[in-house]
């Protein structure tokens, strides 16, 4: 075996997968996982672990895979993470744990994410039960939102013996895992449902269709329902738009709406009657992971699909793997292009998008070179659907209905970084509601820190 080279992983053929919603990456077989795990040097100072937001002991779980002891590997992961099957699929490992792998200096880093996914999938397929007897503390915590921050906080607190109730606004639990990330990257019925069921096995109660701030307010949860603490993990579901003419035409979506209809409401399945209109030609404005999710979804629904991004490929914020998959599947990249107007027909439907070509100037405060319009370079992209994927901000509903809860100028809840404590006593917050849109793993880190802080507070 060449220790410097990663064990290849099988994927669906691009032409085949571009027409279905099944998972792109097929995962390691037992033999492949053991071979990949055998590359790990089991470094004593564990540089990979230092870059993991939830501090997984990576050499430990990989050493169990080497020995083909997959149940022990699952137990080793369970000590640190509530969502191994999710993180193994959607985390940016290349920027985190794998970026510190010693093998990556001269060769290819160990495929830590793919091994994490393998262990989690093996445990699910072999019905490994990781629940233990828990001594109850007799105290209750309300968790708002069932995305990665809420799931992690709830799971950690349940393991410590707290009675936890999650309040979820939508009709299915999972938050962004359920409505945001497409089926072909994160299967719902197998992976997401299983992780939610694991929470229920720990005794966590989940109430869906509860919009905190409307159905019930935080002060009511604390004063009337007598919760000892509250964790807000309500995410960032408020889409941003460009403010250009034509954005209110029929056929303009936010990426959030487009993906929610497709993922949570199953618009891609013919037996569901959720309306979705991919059109003949879709232009997705943006270059992040959500833009890649939206454009690859539109492609699978039968549209010619374009990414329209104002910088060059080097500046695309999406994961390299996502960009690579999108190109393989036939997505067209219109780079160094910026929309200035969406054009409509006489019935108020999108018929095109007026754009201008861009060139890169000096770096701005983000460290990326600032795009500038090229004079006289206007042109039109003929499209009948436009999807805006320009980021999201937190929904203002909870701060607006909670007295004494401080927010910053971006409408994010202000919370201490190490504890998640807000300006309101016994109310904690974390994830995208605090940081604005970020990654699954960073939301999990916030949920974990808040659970520890809540335990310390309530144990006093």
Protein backbone atom coordinates (compact mmCIF):
# COMPACT_ATOMS: atom_id res chain seq x y z
CA UNK A 1 0.00 0.00 0.00
CA UNK A 2 1.18 3.51 -0.85
CA UNK A 3 0.80 5.34 2.47
CA UNK A 4 0.92 8.73 0.74
CA UNK A 5 -2.17 8.06 -1.40
CA UNK A 6 -5.75 8.05 -0.17
CA UNK A 7 -7.91 4.96 -0.67
CA UNK A 8 -10.28 5.97 -3.54
CA UNK A 9 -14.01 6.15 -2.76
CA UNK A 10 -16.74 5.19 -5.21
CA UNK A 11 -19.25 7.73 -6.49
CA UNK A 12 -22.24 7.56 -8.83
CA UNK A 13 -21.30 8.33 -12.43
CA UNK A 14 -21.88 12.06 -13.16
CA UNK A 15 -24.31 11.47 -16.05
CA UNK A 16 -26.37 9.02 -14.00
CA UNK A 17 -26.51 11.06 -10.78
CA UNK A 18 -27.35 14.32 -12.59
CA UNK A 19 -30.79 12.79 -13.20
CA UNK A 20 -31.50 11.36 -9.72
CA UNK A 21 -31.56 12.44 -6.07
CA UNK A 22 -29.68 9.44 -4.68
CA UNK A 23 -26.48 10.01 -2.74
CA UNK A 24 -23.48 10.96 -4.89
CA UNK A 25 -20.78 9.39 -2.71
CA UNK A 26 -21.29 5.66 -2.10
CA UNK A 27 -19.02 5.39 0.97
CA UNK A 28 -16.21 2.98 1.85
CA UNK A 29 -16.63 -0.80 2.00
CA UNK A 30 -15.28 -2.56 5.11
CA UNK A 31 -12.03 -3.46 3.27
CA UNK A 32 -11.55 0.10 1.97
CA UNK A 33 -12.20 1.63 5.40
CA UNK A 34 -9.67 -0.67 7.09
CA UNK A 35 -7.10 0.10 4.36
CA UNK A 36 -7.63 3.86 4.73
CA UNK A 37 -7.51 3.69 8.55
CA UNK A 38 -4.22 1.76 8.31
CA UNK A 39 -2.60 4.87 6.78
CA UNK A 40 -3.08 6.83 10.04
CA UNK A 41 0.22 7.41 11.88
CA UNK A 42 -1.57 7.62 15.25
CA UNK A 43 0.41 10.77 16.11
CA UNK A 44 0.92 11.26 19.85
CA UNK A 45 0.16 15.00 19.82
CA UNK A 46 -3.01 14.53 17.65
CA UNK A 47 -2.80 17.67 15.46
CA UNK A 48 -6.03 16.63 13.68
CA UNK A 49 -8.02 16.72 16.93
CA UNK A 50 -6.82 20.27 17.66
CA UNK A 51 -8.67 21.46 14.51
CA UNK A 52 -11.94 19.60 15.25
CA UNK A 53 -14.54 22.04 16.66
CA UNK A 54 -16.05 19.25 18.82
CA UNK A 55 -12.61 17.80 19.78
CA UNK A 56 -13.17 14.23 18.55
CA UNK A 57 -10.24 11.96 19.50
CA UNK A 58 -9.60 11.16 15.85
CA UNK A 59 -6.64 8.73 16.21
CA UNK A 60 -8.68 6.76 18.79
CA UNK A 61 -11.69 6.05 16.58
CA UNK A 62 -9.46 5.38 13.55
CA UNK A 63 -7.33 2.89 15.54
CA UNK A 64 -10.50 0.83 16.21
CA UNK A 65 -11.28 0.79 12.46
CA UNK A 66 -7.73 -0.53 11.79
CA UNK A 67 -8.56 -3.47 14.11
CA UNK A 68 -11.96 -3.95 12.39
CA UNK A 69 -13.61 -3.16 15.73
CA UNK A 70 -16.31 -0.88 14.33
CA UNK A 71 -18.57 -0.94 17.39
CA UNK A 72 -15.74 0.45 19.56
CA UNK A 73 -15.09 3.08 16.88
CA UNK A 74 -18.76 4.10 17.09
CA UNK A 75 -18.54 4.34 20.89
CA UNK A 76 -15.38 6.46 20.59
CA UNK A 77 -17.19 8.90 18.27
CA UNK A 78 -20.32 8.97 20.44
CA UNK A 79 -18.31 10.48 23.32
CA UNK A 80 -17.82 13.67 21.30
CA UNK A 81 -20.44 14.04 18.56
CA UNK A 82 -24.21 13.64 18.24
CA UNK A 83 -24.11 13.68 14.42
CA UNK A 84 -21.26 11.53 13.03
CA UNK A 85 -23.17 10.40 9.91
CA UNK A 86 -24.00 14.04 9.13
CA UNK A 87 -20.53 15.47 9.78
CA UNK A 88 -18.89 12.66 7.85
CA UNK A 89 -20.86 13.88 4.83
CA UNK A 90 -21.13 17.66 5.03
CA UNK A 91 -18.29 19.01 7.22
CA UNK A 92 -15.45 20.93 5.53
CA UNK A 93 -12.83 18.43 6.80
CA UNK A 94 -10.30 19.71 4.27
CA UNK A 95 -10.20 23.03 6.19
CA UNK A 96 -10.37 21.44 9.65
CA UNK A 97 -9.06 18.06 10.88
CA UNK A 98 -7.61 16.90 7.55
CA UNK A 99 -5.72 20.18 7.08
CA UNK A 100 -3.55 19.21 10.09
CA UNK A 101 -2.94 15.58 9.09
CA UNK A 102 0.85 14.96 9.00
CA UNK A 103 0.49 12.73 5.92
CA UNK A 104 -0.92 15.75 4.07
CA UNK A 105 2.47 17.51 4.17
CA UNK A 106 4.02 15.23 1.54
CA UNK A 107 1.04 13.18 0.37
CA UNK A 108 -2.73 13.03 0.86
CA UNK A 109 -4.31 13.48 4.29
CA UNK A 110 -6.17 10.55 5.84
CA UNK A 111 -9.84 10.64 4.75
CA UNK A 112 -11.05 11.38 8.29
CA UNK A 113 -14.51 12.53 7.20
CA UNK A 114 -15.15 9.49 5.02
CA UNK A 115 -14.03 7.21 7.89
CA UNK A 116 -16.36 8.99 10.33
CA UNK A 117 -19.21 8.47 7.87
CA UNK A 118 -18.28 4.79 7.46
CA UNK A 119 -18.40 4.14 11.23
CA UNK A 120 -21.71 5.98 11.67
CA UNK A 121 -23.31 4.15 8.73
CA UNK A 122 -21.99 0.78 9.97
CA UNK A 123 -23.42 1.43 13.44
CA UNK A 124 -26.81 2.35 11.96
CA UNK A 125 -26.93 -0.64 9.60
CA UNK A 126 -25.92 -3.01 12.42
CA UNK A 127 -28.34 -1.55 15.00
CA UNK A 128 -25.61 -0.62 17.47
CA UNK A 129 -27.32 0.84 20.56
CA UNK A 130 -25.17 3.52 22.19
CA UNK A 131 -27.67 4.57 24.89
CA UNK A 132 -26.74 4.06 28.55
CA UNK A 133 -28.67 4.24 31.82
CA UNK A 134 -28.82 7.90 32.86
CA UNK A 135 -29.42 9.19 36.37
CA UNK A 136 -32.00 11.98 36.17
CA UNK A 137 -31.26 15.42 37.65
CA UNK A 138 -34.87 16.53 37.95
CA UNK A 139 -34.30 19.75 35.99
CA UNK A 140 -35.75 20.80 32.65
CA UNK A 141 -34.26 22.64 29.67
CA UNK A 142 -36.09 23.99 26.60
CA UNK A 143 -34.18 23.93 23.31
CA UNK A 144 -35.47 26.10 20.47
CA UNK A 145 -34.72 24.68 17.03
CA UNK A 146 -33.76 21.13 16.04
CA UNK A 147 -30.85 21.93 13.75
CA UNK A 148 -27.22 20.97 14.51
CA UNK A 149 -26.86 23.40 17.46
CA UNK A 150 -30.14 22.33 19.07
CA UNK A 151 -29.60 18.61 18.49
CA UNK A 152 -26.10 18.75 19.98
CA UNK A 153 -27.13 20.82 23.00
CA UNK A 154 -30.16 18.59 23.66
CA UNK A 155 -28.14 15.37 23.29
CA UNK A 156 -25.35 16.54 25.62
CA UNK A 157 -27.83 17.69 28.29
CA UNK A 158 -29.87 14.47 28.04
CA UNK A 159 -26.70 12.42 28.59
CA UNK A 160 -26.07 14.49 31.76
CA UNK A 161 -29.54 13.63 33.10
CA UNK A 162 -31.63 16.70 32.20
CA UNK A 163 -35.19 16.50 30.89
CA UNK A 164 -34.99 18.24 27.52
CA UNK A 165 -37.79 19.40 25.22
CA UNK A 166 -37.01 20.67 21.72
CA UNK A 167 -39.43 23.12 20.11
CA UNK A 168 -39.28 23.03 16.30
CA UNK A 169 -41.13 25.51 14.06
CA UNK A 170 -41.48 23.18 11.06
CA UNK A 171 -43.37 19.90 10.78
CA UNK A 172 -40.23 17.73 10.79
CA UNK A 173 -37.23 17.90 13.11
CA UNK A 174 -33.70 18.40 11.75
CA UNK A 175 -33.49 22.09 10.90
CA UNK A 176 -31.07 22.84 8.07
CA UNK A 177 -30.21 19.11 7.85
CA UNK A 178 -33.83 18.50 6.89
CA UNK A 179 -34.70 21.55 4.76
CA UNK A 180 -31.38 22.94 3.55
CA UNK A 181 -28.95 20.20 2.51
CA UNK A 182 -30.20 18.19 -0.50
CA UNK A 183 -30.99 14.49 -0.48
CA UNK A 184 -28.03 13.68 -2.78
CA UNK A 185 -25.62 14.97 -0.12
CA UNK A 186 -27.54 13.96 3.01
CA UNK A 187 -30.27 11.29 2.78
CA UNK A 188 -33.19 12.19 5.04
CA UNK A 189 -35.01 8.91 5.70
CA UNK A 190 -31.86 7.01 6.60
CA UNK A 191 -29.30 9.43 8.03
CA UNK A 192 -31.23 12.42 9.42
CA UNK A 193 -34.17 10.40 10.77
CA UNK A 194 -31.77 8.01 12.50
CA UNK A 195 -29.91 10.84 14.25
CA UNK A 196 -33.26 12.30 15.44
CA UNK A 197 -34.33 8.85 16.70
CA UNK A 198 -31.06 8.57 18.64
CA UNK A 199 -32.03 11.81 20.45
CA UNK A 200 -35.45 10.39 21.31
CA UNK A 201 -33.78 7.24 22.70
CA UNK A 202 -31.94 9.53 25.13
CA UNK A 203 -35.35 10.74 26.34
CA UNK A 204 -35.43 14.07 24.47
CA UNK A 205 -39.00 15.19 23.67
CA UNK A 206 -39.57 16.99 20.36
CA UNK A 207 -42.58 19.24 19.76
CA UNK A 208 -42.96 20.26 16.09
CA UNK A 209 -45.06 23.09 14.61
CA UNK A 210 -44.17 25.35 17.56
CA UNK A 211 -43.03 28.81 16.43
CA UNK A 212 -41.34 30.27 19.49
CA UNK A 213 -42.19 33.98 19.58
CA UNK A 214 -45.68 33.29 18.15
CA UNK A 215 -47.05 29.98 19.52
CA UNK A 216 -45.24 30.47 22.81
CA UNK A 217 -42.78 33.10 24.06
CA UNK A 218 -39.49 32.47 25.88
CA UNK A 219 -40.75 34.22 29.03
CA UNK A 220 -43.78 31.88 29.04
CA UNK A 221 -41.51 28.83 28.76
CA UNK A 222 -39.59 30.02 31.82
CA UNK A 223 -42.36 31.54 33.96
CA UNK A 224 -45.42 29.42 33.11
CA UNK A 225 -43.89 26.11 31.99
CA UNK A 226 -41.07 26.40 34.57
CA UNK A 227 -38.10 25.44 32.37
CA UNK A 228 -34.88 25.93 34.34
CA UNK A 229 -32.94 27.13 31.29
CA UNK A 230 -33.47 27.83 27.58
CA UNK A 231 -31.10 27.31 24.64
CA UNK A 232 -31.86 29.21 21.42
CA UNK A 233 -30.59 27.39 18.32
CA UNK A 234 -33.07 28.85 15.87
CA UNK A 235 -30.61 29.23 13.00
CA UNK A 236 -30.49 31.86 10.28
CA UNK A 237 -33.44 31.40 7.97
CA UNK A 238 -33.96 34.95 6.73
CA UNK A 239 -32.72 35.21 3.12
CA UNK A 240 -30.81 38.18 1.72
CA UNK A 241 -31.48 39.76 -1.68
CA UNK A 242 -29.47 42.13 -3.88
CA UNK A 243 -31.97 44.97 -4.05
CA UNK A 244 -31.83 45.13 -7.88
CA UNK A 245 -34.86 45.84 -10.14
CA UNK A 246 -37.02 42.80 -10.96
CA UNK A 247 -36.36 40.79 -7.79
CA UNK A 248 -40.10 40.53 -7.08
CA UNK A 249 -40.93 38.96 -10.47
CA UNK A 250 -42.49 35.48 -10.58
CA UNK A 251 -39.72 32.92 -10.94
CA UNK A 252 -37.31 34.56 -8.46
CA UNK A 253 -36.61 32.40 -5.40
CA UNK A 254 -34.32 32.62 -2.42
CA UNK A 255 -32.15 29.50 -2.22
CA UNK A 256 -33.81 28.86 1.16
CA UNK A 257 -37.30 28.66 -0.31
CA UNK A 258 -36.20 26.60 -3.31
CA UNK A 259 -34.31 24.06 -1.17
CA UNK A 260 -37.02 23.89 1.53
CA UNK A 261 -39.71 23.09 -1.03
CA UNK A 262 -37.52 20.43 -2.53
CA UNK A 263 -36.01 18.82 0.59
CA UNK A 264 -38.52 19.15 3.42
CA UNK A 265 -41.63 19.19 1.23
CA UNK A 266 -40.28 16.55 -1.19
CA UNK A 267 -41.05 18.48 -4.38
CA UNK A 268 -38.60 16.24 -6.28
CA UNK A 269 -40.88 13.21 -5.73
CA UNK A 270 -43.83 12.92 -8.11
CA UNK A 271 -46.17 11.57 -5.41
CA UNK A 272 -45.84 14.85 -3.45
CA UNK A 273 -47.88 17.79 -4.71
CA UNK A 274 -45.50 20.57 -3.57
CA UNK A 275 -45.28 23.19 -6.34
CA UNK A 276 -41.79 23.96 -7.61
CA UNK A 277 -40.83 25.59 -10.88
CA UNK A 278 -37.27 24.89 -11.99
CA UNK A 279 -37.98 26.28 -15.47
CA UNK A 280 -35.90 25.61 -18.59
CA UNK A 281 -32.86 27.64 -17.54
CA UNK A 282 -31.96 28.52 -13.94
CA UNK A 283 -29.42 31.14 -12.88
CA UNK A 284 -28.21 30.75 -9.28
CA UNK A 285 -26.55 33.93 -7.99
CA UNK A 286 -23.82 33.17 -5.43
CA UNK A 287 -20.82 30.89 -4.97
CA UNK A 288 -21.14 29.20 -1.57
CA UNK A 289 -22.16 25.66 -0.61
CA UNK A 290 -25.85 26.65 -0.58
CA UNK A 291 -25.53 27.97 -4.15
CA UNK A 292 -24.00 24.62 -5.20
CA UNK A 293 -26.85 22.77 -3.46
CA UNK A 294 -29.46 24.92 -5.26
CA UNK A 295 -27.86 24.71 -8.71
CA UNK A 296 -27.33 20.93 -8.51
CA UNK A 297 -30.96 20.53 -7.37
CA UNK A 298 -32.22 22.63 -10.32
CA UNK A 299 -30.10 20.51 -12.68
CA UNK A 300 -31.65 17.30 -11.32
CA UNK A 301 -35.12 18.79 -11.84
CA UNK A 302 -34.29 19.05 -15.56
CA UNK A 303 -33.13 22.65 -16.01
CA UNK A 304 -30.02 24.03 -17.69
CA UNK A 305 -28.27 25.29 -14.57
CA UNK A 306 -25.85 28.23 -14.20
CA UNK A 307 -23.80 29.61 -11.31
CA UNK A 308 -23.44 33.39 -11.61
CA UNK A 309 -20.60 34.66 -9.39
CA UNK A 310 -18.92 38.05 -9.33
CA UNK A 311 -15.39 36.80 -8.54
CA UNK A 312 -13.19 34.12 -10.15
CA UNK A 313 -13.09 30.40 -9.38
CA UNK A 314 -10.19 30.86 -6.94
CA UNK A 315 -12.48 32.96 -4.70
CA UNK A 316 -15.50 30.61 -4.71
CA UNK A 317 -16.39 30.04 -1.04
CA UNK A 318 -17.94 26.59 -1.70
CA UNK A 319 -16.03 23.41 -0.88
CA UNK A 320 -13.71 22.28 -3.69
CA UNK A 321 -15.50 18.90 -3.73
CA UNK A 322 -18.89 20.60 -4.29
CA UNK A 323 -17.57 22.71 -7.19
CA UNK A 324 -15.91 19.63 -8.72
CA UNK A 325 -19.15 17.60 -8.47
CA UNK A 326 -21.20 20.45 -9.96
CA UNK A 327 -18.86 20.75 -12.96
CA UNK A 328 -18.85 16.99 -13.53
CA UNK A 329 -22.66 17.02 -13.58
CA UNK A 330 -22.84 19.76 -16.22
CA UNK A 331 -23.43 22.98 -14.24
CA UNK A 332 -22.31 26.05 -16.25
CA UNK A 333 -20.14 28.55 -14.33
CA UNK A 334 -20.53 32.21 -15.37
CA UNK A 335 -17.66 33.70 -13.35
CA UNK A 336 -16.67 37.37 -12.98
CA UNK A 337 -20.30 38.23 -13.75
CA UNK A 338 -22.68 40.33 -11.63
CA UNK A 339 -26.47 40.75 -12.12
CA UNK A 340 -27.78 44.31 -12.32
CA UNK A 341 -31.43 43.70 -13.26
CA UNK A 342 -33.89 40.82 -13.63
CA UNK A 343 -36.03 41.18 -16.76
CA UNK A 344 -39.70 40.16 -16.94
CA UNK A 345 -42.30 39.48 -19.62
CA UNK A 346 -45.71 41.18 -19.88
CA UNK A 347 -47.22 38.59 -17.47
CA UNK A 348 -44.66 39.34 -14.74
CA UNK A 349 -42.50 36.21 -15.17
CA UNK A 350 -38.69 36.17 -15.41
CA UNK A 351 -37.39 36.09 -18.99
CA UNK A 352 -33.74 37.00 -18.47
CA UNK A 353 -31.10 38.59 -16.28
CA UNK A 354 -29.05 41.64 -17.26
CA UNK A 355 -25.47 41.27 -16.07
CA UNK A 356 -22.17 43.09 -16.20
CA UNK A 357 -18.69 41.57 -16.51
CA UNK A 358 -16.33 42.10 -13.57
CA UNK A 359 -12.57 42.31 -13.03
CA UNK A 360 -10.70 41.84 -9.76
CA UNK A 361 -9.03 44.82 -8.12
CA UNK A 362 -7.21 45.17 -4.80
CA UNK A 363 -8.11 42.92 -1.83
CA UNK A 364 -10.99 44.10 0.42
CA UNK A 365 -11.49 43.53 4.18
CA UNK A 366 -12.30 39.82 3.55
CA UNK A 367 -8.81 39.39 2.04
CA UNK A 368 -10.30 38.53 -1.36
CA UNK A 369 -9.74 40.77 -4.38
CA UNK A 370 -12.58 43.25 -4.78
CA UNK A 371 -14.65 42.82 -7.98
CA UNK A 372 -15.19 45.94 -10.12
CA UNK A 373 -17.58 46.35 -13.05
CA UNK A 374 -16.09 46.55 -16.55
CA UNK A 375 -17.58 49.61 -18.31
CA UNK A 376 -19.80 48.84 -21.29
CA UNK A 377 -19.75 45.07 -20.72
CA UNK A 378 -23.49 44.57 -20.07
CA UNK A 379 -25.11 41.44 -21.52
CA UNK A 380 -28.21 39.30 -20.92
CA UNK A 381 -28.45 35.70 -19.70
CA UNK A 382 -31.65 34.16 -21.10
CA UNK A 383 -33.22 32.38 -18.11
CA UNK A 384 -36.72 31.87 -16.71
CA UNK A 385 -35.80 31.23 -13.06
CA UNK A 386 -33.40 33.12 -10.77
CA UNK A 387 -32.32 31.78 -7.38
CA UNK A 388 -30.62 34.21 -4.98
CA UNK A 389 -28.05 32.49 -2.76
CA UNK A 390 -26.40 35.43 -1.01
CA UNK A 391 -26.43 34.21 2.58
CA UNK A 392 -29.01 34.43 5.35
CA UNK A 393 -29.45 36.22 8.64
CA UNK A 394 -31.32 35.21 11.82
CA UNK A 395 -35.09 35.56 11.96
CA UNK A 396 -35.85 38.62 14.15
CA UNK A 397 -38.97 37.02 15.72
CA UNK A 398 -37.39 35.67 18.94
CA UNK A 399 -35.44 38.83 19.88
CA UNK A 400 -38.50 40.97 19.02
CA UNK A 401 -40.71 39.00 21.44
CA UNK A 402 -38.18 38.46 24.26
CA UNK A 403 -37.60 41.34 26.61
CA UNK A 404 -33.96 41.93 27.56
CA UNK A 405 -32.45 39.76 24.81
CA UNK A 406 -29.66 41.76 23.20
CA UNK A 407 -28.86 41.60 19.46
CA UNK A 408 -26.11 43.23 17.39
CA UNK A 409 -26.38 45.37 14.25
CA UNK A 410 -26.68 42.21 12.09
CA UNK A 411 -29.75 41.11 14.13
CA UNK A 412 -27.74 38.22 15.61
CA UNK A 413 -28.29 37.33 19.28
CA UNK A 414 -25.36 38.49 21.42
CA UNK A 415 -23.92 35.53 23.39
CA UNK A 416 -20.66 34.76 25.19
CA UNK A 417 -18.40 32.70 22.92
CA UNK A 418 -17.34 30.12 25.52
CA UNK A 419 -20.71 29.61 27.24
CA UNK A 420 -23.44 30.85 24.90
CA UNK A 421 -24.93 32.93 27.75
CA UNK A 422 -27.07 35.81 26.44
CA UNK A 423 -27.95 39.12 28.12
CA UNK A 424 -30.94 37.33 29.70
CA UNK A 425 -30.44 35.17 32.77
CA UNK A 426 -30.59 31.38 32.17
CA UNK A 427 -31.09 31.94 28.42
CA UNK A 428 -28.30 30.64 26.16
CA UNK A 429 -27.87 30.75 22.39
CA UNK A 430 -25.56 29.32 19.73
CA UNK A 431 -25.10 28.43 16.08
CA UNK A 432 -26.31 30.58 13.19
CA UNK A 433 -28.70 32.57 15.42
CA UNK A 434 -25.55 34.03 17.02
CA UNK A 435 -22.94 33.94 14.24
CA UNK A 436 -25.10 34.33 11.13
CA UNK A 437 -24.93 31.56 8.52
CA UNK A 438 -21.96 29.23 9.15
CA UNK A 439 -21.25 25.47 9.09
CA UNK A 440 -22.96 22.48 10.72
CA UNK A 441 -19.88 21.66 12.82
CA UNK A 442 -19.52 25.20 14.22
CA UNK A 443 -23.18 25.14 15.26
CA UNK A 444 -22.52 21.79 16.98
CA UNK A 445 -19.52 23.26 18.80
CA UNK A 446 -21.74 26.10 20.10
CA UNK A 447 -24.42 23.64 21.22
CA UNK A 448 -21.83 21.57 23.07
CA UNK A 449 -20.30 24.58 24.86
CA UNK A 450 -23.74 25.85 25.89
CA UNK A 451 -24.75 22.43 27.29
CA UNK A 452 -21.62 22.41 29.48
CA UNK A 453 -22.36 25.97 30.68
CA UNK A 454 -26.04 25.19 31.39
CA UNK A 455 -25.00 22.13 33.44
CA UNK A 456 -22.52 24.24 35.43
CA UNK A 457 -25.16 26.93 36.06
CA UNK A 458 -27.93 24.50 37.09
CA UNK A 459 -25.60 22.37 39.24
CA UNK A 460 -24.77 25.37 41.47
